[in-house]
Amino acid sequence: MLIIKIVPGENIERALKRYRNKVRNTQQLKRIRDNQEFTKKSMEKRESMKKAIHRKEYLRMNEV
C-alpha cells in the first residue's frame, strides 16, 4: 500500500500527481497485471529474448 502524506493547505491535484508518480516508480500496476495470469518460465524467457533482439535492432538502425 502506498502512503502519500498530505501537507495542510496542499492542493489535492498536487497530492494526486505525487501518488501517480509513486505508482509509476514502484511499478505496482505492472506487478498487478503480471499476477492476473500465470506465464511459464519458458514464455517469460522467450519474451525477454524478443525484447532484447528488438532493442538491439532498434539501436543498430539509429546508429547508422
PDB file of N, CA and C in Angstrom:
ATOM      1  N   MET A   1       0.835  -1.173   0.000  1.00  0.00           N
ATOM      2  CA  MET A   1       0.000   0.000   0.000  1.00  0.00           C
ATOM      3  C   MET A   1       0.884   1.241   0.000  1.00  0.00           C
ATOM      4  N   LEU A   2       0.552   2.147  -0.880  1.00  0.00           N
ATOM      5  CA  LEU A   2       1.317   3.379  -0.985  1.00  0.00           C
ATOM      6  C   LEU A   2       0.706   4.440  -0.086  1.00  0.00           C
ATOM      7  N   ILE A   3       1.557   5.149   0.604  1.00  0.00           N
ATOM      8  CA  ILE A   3       1.092   6.188   1.523  1.00  0.00           C
ATOM      9  C   ILE A   3       1.637   7.529   1.036  1.00  0.00           C
ATOM     10  N   ILE A   4       0.727   8.466   0.885  1.00  0.00           N
ATOM     11  CA  ILE A   4       1.085   9.822   0.490  1.00  0.00           C
ATOM     12  C   ILE A   4       0.656  10.754   1.609  1.00  0.00           C
ATOM     13  N   LYS A   5       1.603  11.446   2.210  1.00  0.00           N
ATOM     14  CA  LYS A   5       1.269  12.381   3.274  1.00  0.00           C
ATOM     15  C   LYS A   5       0.905  13.723   2.661  1.00  0.00           C
ATOM     16  N   ILE A   6      -0.260  14.218   3.046  1.00  0.00           N
ATOM     17  CA  ILE A   6      -0.740  15.487   2.526  1.00  0.00           C
ATOM     18  C   ILE A   6      -0.434  16.577   3.546  1.00  0.00           C
ATOM     19  N   VAL A   7       0.254  17.584   3.081  1.00  0.00           N
ATOM     20  CA  VAL A   7       0.607  18.721   3.924  1.00  0.00           C
ATOM     21  C   VAL A   7      -0.634  19.611   4.045  1.00  0.00           C
ATOM     22  N   PRO A   8      -0.938  20.121   5.226  1.00  0.00           N
ATOM     23  CA  PRO A   8      -2.093  21.023   5.351  1.00  0.00           C
ATOM     24  C   PRO A   8      -1.967  22.214   4.411  1.00  0.00           C
ATOM     25  N   GLY A   9      -3.040  22.470   3.683  1.00  0.00           N
ATOM     26  CA  GLY A   9      -3.046  23.564   2.728  1.00  0.00           C
ATOM     27  C   GLY A   9      -2.537  23.174   1.350  1.00  0.00           C
ATOM     28  N   GLU A  10      -2.148  21.899   1.179  1.00  0.00           N
ATOM     29  CA  GLU A  10      -1.641  21.447  -0.116  1.00  0.00           C
ATOM     30  C   GLU A  10      -2.810  21.178  -1.061  1.00  0.00           C
ATOM     31  N   ASN A  11      -2.625  21.498  -2.294  1.00  0.00           N
ATOM     32  CA  ASN A  11      -3.641  21.262  -3.309  1.00  0.00           C
ATOM     33  C   ASN A  11      -3.799  19.763  -3.537  1.00  0.00           C
ATOM     34  N   ILE A  12      -5.053  19.298  -3.663  1.00  0.00           N
ATOM     35  CA  ILE A  12      -5.313  17.870  -3.855  1.00  0.00           C
ATOM     36  C   ILE A  12      -4.764  17.398  -5.202  1.00  0.00           C
ATOM     37  N   GLU A  13      -4.736  18.274  -6.189  1.00  0.00           N
ATOM     38  CA  GLU A  13      -4.197  17.922  -7.503  1.00  0.00           C
ATOM     39  C   GLU A  13      -2.712  17.559  -7.392  1.00  0.00           C
ATOM     40  N   ARG A  14      -2.003  18.299  -6.576  1.00  0.00           N
ATOM     41  CA  ARG A  14      -0.566  18.043  -6.382  1.00  0.00           C
ATOM     42  C   ARG A  14      -0.349  16.698  -5.683  1.00  0.00           C
ATOM     43  N   ALA A  15      -1.198  16.404  -4.699  1.00  0.00           N
ATOM     44  CA  ALA A  15      -1.086  15.127  -3.989  1.00  0.00           C
ATOM     45  C   ALA A  15      -1.385  13.964  -4.929  1.00  0.00           C
ATOM     46  N   LEU A  16      -2.377  14.106  -5.795  1.00  0.00           N
ATOM     47  CA  LEU A  16      -2.688  13.055  -6.767  1.00  0.00           C
ATOM     48  C   LEU A  16      -1.534  12.844  -7.745  1.00  0.00           C
ATOM     49  N   LYS A  17      -0.899  13.936  -8.124  1.00  0.00           N
ATOM     50  CA  LYS A  17       0.244  13.838  -9.029  1.00  0.00           C
ATOM     51  C   LYS A  17       1.387  13.077  -8.372  1.00  0.00           C
ATOM     52  N   ARG A  18       1.641  13.350  -7.092  1.00  0.00           N
ATOM     53  CA  ARG A  18       2.688  12.621  -6.372  1.00  0.00           C
ATOM     54  C   ARG A  18       2.334  11.146  -6.246  1.00  0.00           C
ATOM     55  N   TYR A  19       1.038  10.852  -6.040  1.00  0.00           N
ATOM     56  CA  TYR A  19       0.586   9.459  -5.942  1.00  0.00           C
ATOM     57  C   TYR A  19       0.811   8.726  -7.263  1.00  0.00           C
ATOM     58  N   ARG A  20       0.422   9.356  -8.368  1.00  0.00           N
ATOM     59  CA  ARG A  20       0.605   8.727  -9.679  1.00  0.00           C
ATOM     60  C   ARG A  20       2.083   8.463  -9.964  1.00  0.00           C
ATOM     61  N   ASN A  21       2.938   9.412  -9.614  1.00  0.00           N
ATOM     62  CA  ASN A  21       4.380   9.221  -9.822  1.00  0.00           C
ATOM     63  C   ASN A  21       4.914   8.075  -8.973  1.00  0.00           C
ATOM     64  N   LYS A  22       4.424   7.961  -7.754  1.00  0.00           N
ATOM     65  CA  LYS A  22       4.872   6.895  -6.875  1.00  0.00           C
ATOM     66  C   LYS A  22       4.436   5.533  -7.408  1.00  0.00           C
ATOM     67  N   VAL A  23       3.207   5.447  -7.916  1.00  0.00           N
ATOM     68  CA  VAL A  23       2.709   4.198  -8.506  1.00  0.00           C
ATOM     69  C   VAL A  23       3.570   3.824  -9.702  1.00  0.00           C
ATOM     70  N   ARG A  24       3.878   4.804 -10.544  1.00  0.00           N
ATOM     71  CA  ARG A  24       4.686   4.546 -11.742  1.00  0.00           C
ATOM     72  C   ARG A  24       6.093   4.101 -11.362  1.00  0.00           C
ATOM     73  N   ASN A  25       6.692   4.746 -10.369  1.00  0.00           N
ATOM     74  CA  ASN A  25       8.072   4.428  -9.990  1.00  0.00           C
ATOM     75  C   ASN A  25       8.198   3.074  -9.310  1.00  0.00           C
ATOM     76  N   THR A  26       7.197   2.667  -8.567  1.00  0.00           N
ATOM     77  CA  THR A  26       7.272   1.374  -7.883  1.00  0.00           C
ATOM     78  C   THR A  26       6.825   0.221  -8.757  1.00  0.00           C
ATOM     79  N   GLN A  27       6.330   0.528  -9.959  1.00  0.00           N
ATOM     80  CA  GLN A  27       5.848  -0.475 -10.914  1.00  0.00           C
ATOM     81  C   GLN A  27       4.771  -1.366 -10.309  1.00  0.00           C
ATOM     82  N   GLN A  28       3.934  -0.791  -9.474  1.00  0.00           N
ATOM     83  CA  GLN A  28       2.877  -1.528  -8.806  1.00  0.00           C
ATOM     84  C   GLN A  28       1.855  -2.048  -9.815  1.00  0.00           C
ATOM     85  N   LEU A  29       1.480  -1.236 -10.781  1.00  0.00           N
ATOM     86  CA  LEU A  29       0.488  -1.627 -11.774  1.00  0.00           C
ATOM     87  C   LEU A  29       0.998  -2.784 -12.627  1.00  0.00           C
ATOM     88  N   LYS A  30       2.290  -2.772 -12.948  1.00  0.00           N
ATOM     89  CA  LYS A  30       2.886  -3.849 -13.753  1.00  0.00           C
ATOM     90  C   LYS A  30       2.812  -5.182 -13.007  1.00  0.00           C
ATOM     91  N   ARG A  31       3.118  -5.154 -11.702  1.00  0.00           N
ATOM     92  CA  ARG A  31       3.053  -6.381 -10.913  1.00  0.00           C
ATOM     93  C   ARG A  31       1.630  -6.921 -10.826  1.00  0.00           C
ATOM     94  N   ILE A  32       0.659  -6.040 -10.698  1.00  0.00           N
ATOM     95  CA  ILE A  32      -0.740  -6.468 -10.628  1.00  0.00           C
ATOM     96  C   ILE A  32      -1.154  -7.136 -11.930  1.00  0.00           C
ATOM     97  N   ARG A  33      -0.770  -6.521 -13.051  1.00  0.00           N
ATOM     98  CA  ARG A  33      -1.125  -7.099 -14.353  1.00  0.00           C
ATOM     99  C   ARG A  33      -0.415  -8.431 -14.590  1.00  0.00           C
ATOM    100  N   ASP A  34       0.838  -8.542 -14.132  1.00  0.00           N
ATOM    101  CA  ASP A  34       1.574  -9.792 -14.300  1.00  0.00           C
ATOM    102  C   ASP A  34       0.958 -10.923 -13.484  1.00  0.00           C
ATOM    103  N   ASN A  35       0.372 -10.602 -12.342  1.00  0.00           N
ATOM    104  CA  ASN A  35      -0.201 -11.630 -11.489  1.00  0.00           C
ATOM    105  C   ASN A  35      -1.593 -12.059 -11.912  1.00  0.00           C
ATOM    106  N   GLN A  36      -2.182 -11.429 -12.928  1.00  0.00           N
ATOM    107  CA  GLN A  36      -3.524 -11.792 -13.352  1.00  0.00           C
ATOM    108  C   GLN A  36      -3.558 -13.170 -13.998  1.00  0.00           C
ATOM    109  N   GLU A  37      -2.494 -13.548 -14.667  1.00  0.00           N
ATOM    110  CA  GLU A  37      -2.455 -14.865 -15.293  1.00  0.00           C
ATOM    111  C   GLU A  37      -1.053 -15.448 -15.163  1.00  0.00           C
ATOM    112  N   PHE A  38      -0.984 -16.749 -15.118  1.00  0.00           N
ATOM    113  CA  PHE A  38       0.289 -17.440 -14.966  1.00  0.00           C
ATOM    114  C   PHE A  38       0.984 -17.539 -16.313  1.00  0.00           C
ATOM    115  N   THR A  39       2.276 -17.248 -16.335  1.00  0.00           N
ATOM    116  CA  THR A  39       3.079 -17.450 -17.542  1.00  0.00           C
ATOM    117  C   THR A  39       4.248 -18.360 -17.188  1.00  0.00           C
ATOM    118  N   LYS A  40       4.476 -19.312 -18.068  1.00  0.00           N
ATOM    119  CA  LYS A  40       5.563 -20.255 -17.837  1.00  0.00           C
ATOM    120  C   LYS A  40       6.902 -19.548 -17.946  1.00  0.00           C
ATOM    121  N   LYS A  41       7.902 -20.119 -17.293  1.00  0.00           N
ATOM    122  CA  LYS A  41       9.250 -19.545 -17.316  1.00  0.00           C
ATOM    123  C   LYS A  41       9.788 -19.487 -18.740  1.00  0.00           C
ATOM    124  N   SER A  42       9.478 -20.513 -19.527  1.00  0.00           N
ATOM    125  CA  SER A  42       9.974 -20.534 -20.899  1.00  0.00           C
ATOM    126  C   SER A  42       9.362 -19.396 -21.719  1.00  0.00           C
ATOM    127  N   MET A  43       8.105 -19.065 -21.459  1.00  0.00           N
ATOM    128  CA  MET A  43       7.457 -17.963 -22.174  1.00  0.00           C
ATOM    129  C   MET A  43       8.053 -16.628 -21.744  1.00  0.00           C
ATOM    130  N   GLU A  44       8.356 -16.477 -20.449  1.00  0.00           N
ATOM    131  CA  GLU A  44       8.981 -15.251 -19.970  1.00  0.00           C
ATOM    132  C   GLU A  44      10.352 -15.069 -20.625  1.00  0.00           C
ATOM    133  N   LYS A  45      11.104 -16.165 -20.714  1.00  0.00           N
ATOM    134  CA  LYS A  45      12.427 -16.112 -21.321  1.00  0.00           C
ATOM    135  C   LYS A  45      12.324 -15.769 -22.804  1.00  0.00           C
ATOM    136  N   ARG A  46      11.348 -16.362 -23.484  1.00  0.00           N
ATOM    137  CA  ARG A  46      11.142 -16.100 -24.901  1.00  0.00           C
ATOM    138  C   ARG A  46      10.791 -14.623 -25.140  1.00  0.00           C
ATOM    139  N   GLU A  47       9.922 -14.088 -24.298  1.00  0.00           N
ATOM    140  CA  GLU A  47       9.544 -12.677 -24.424  1.00  0.00           C
ATOM    141  C   GLU A  47      10.740 -11.754 -24.185  1.00  0.00           C
ATOM    142  N   SER A  48      11.543 -12.074 -23.168  1.00  0.00           N
ATOM    143  CA  SER A  48      12.706 -11.232 -22.887  1.00  0.00           C
ATOM    144  C   SER A  48      13.714 -11.290 -24.037  1.00  0.00           C
ATOM    145  N   MET A  49      13.852 -12.444 -24.662  1.00  0.00           N
ATOM    146  CA  MET A  49      14.756 -12.571 -25.809  1.00  0.00           C
ATOM    147  C   MET A  49      14.249 -11.742 -26.984  1.00  0.00           C
ATOM    148  N   LYS A  50      12.929 -11.773 -27.204  1.00  0.00           N
ATOM    149  CA  LYS A  50      12.351 -10.982 -28.289  1.00  0.00           C
ATOM    150  C   LYS A  50      12.576  -9.491 -28.051  1.00  0.00           C
ATOM    151  N   LYS A  51      12.406  -9.063 -26.805  1.00  0.00           N
ATOM    152  CA  LYS A  51      12.612  -7.662 -26.476  1.00  0.00           C
ATOM    153  C   LYS A  51      14.064  -7.264 -26.686  1.00  0.00           C
ATOM    154  N   ALA A  52      14.990  -8.145 -26.285  1.00  0.00           N
ATOM    155  CA  ALA A  52      16.414  -7.849 -26.427  1.00  0.00           C
ATOM    156  C   ALA A  52      16.793  -7.740 -27.899  1.00  0.00           C
ATOM    157  N   ILE A  53      16.264  -8.632 -28.727  1.00  0.00           N
ATOM    158  CA  ILE A  53      16.563  -8.602 -30.166  1.00  0.00           C
ATOM    159  C   ILE A  53      16.001  -7.327 -30.778  1.00  0.00           C
ATOM    160  N   HIS A  54      14.779  -6.983 -30.399  1.00  0.00           N
ATOM    161  CA  HIS A  54      14.159  -5.764 -30.928  1.00  0.00           C
ATOM    162  C   HIS A  54      14.959  -4.524 -30.516  1.00  0.00           C
ATOM    163  N   ARG A  55      15.378  -4.482 -29.257  1.00  0.00           N
ATOM    164  CA  ARG A  55      16.159  -3.354 -28.753  1.00  0.00           C
ATOM    165  C   ARG A  55      17.487  -3.239 -29.506  1.00  0.00           C
ATOM    166  N   LYS A  56      18.133  -4.383 -29.739  1.00  0.00           N
ATOM    167  CA  LYS A  56      19.412  -4.392 -30.444  1.00  0.00           C
ATOM    168  C   LYS A  56      19.245  -3.895 -31.876  1.00  0.00           C
ATOM    169  N   GLU A  57      18.199  -4.364 -32.552  1.00  0.00           N
ATOM    170  CA  GLU A  57      17.943  -3.929 -33.933  1.00  0.00           C
ATOM    171  C   GLU A  57      17.634  -2.435 -33.975  1.00  0.00           C
ATOM    172  N   TYR A  58      16.846  -1.956 -33.029  1.00  0.00           N
ATOM    173  CA  TYR A  58      16.474  -0.544 -32.979  1.00  0.00           C
ATOM    174  C   TYR A  58      17.709   0.343 -32.782  1.00  0.00           C
ATOM    175  N   LEU A  59      18.573  -0.060 -31.859  1.00  0.00           N
ATOM    176  CA  LEU A  59      19.782   0.721 -31.620  1.00  0.00           C
ATOM    177  C   LEU A  59      20.720   0.688 -32.845  1.00  0.00           C
ATOM    178  N   ARG A  60      20.781  -0.456 -33.513  1.00  0.00           N
ATOM    179  CA  ARG A  60      21.629  -0.561 -34.680  1.00  0.00           C
ATOM    180  C   ARG A  60      21.108   0.319 -35.822  1.00  0.00           C
ATOM    181  N   MET A  61      19.784   0.405 -35.968  1.00  0.00           N
ATOM    182  CA  MET A  61      19.189   1.234 -37.033  1.00  0.00           C
ATOM    183  C   MET A  61      19.463   2.717 -36.767  1.00  0.00           C
ATOM    184  N   ASN A  62      19.395   3.125 -35.497  1.00  0.00           N
ATOM    185  CA  ASN A  62      19.610   4.528 -35.159  1.00  0.00           C
ATOM    186  C   ASN A  62      21.072   4.915 -35.165  1.00  0.00           C
ATOM    187  N   GLU A  63      21.951   3.939 -35.096  1.00  0.00           N
ATOM    188  CA  GLU A  63      23.383   4.180 -35.065  1.00  0.00           C
ATOM    189  C   GLU A  63      23.890   4.678 -36.416  1.00  0.00           C
ATOM    190  N   VAL A  64      23.320   4.165 -37.476  1.00  0.00           N
ATOM    191  CA  VAL A  64      23.783   4.481 -38.828  1.00  0.00           C
ATOM    192  C   VAL A  64      23.424   5.866 -39.254  1.00  0.00           C
TER     193      VAL A  64
END
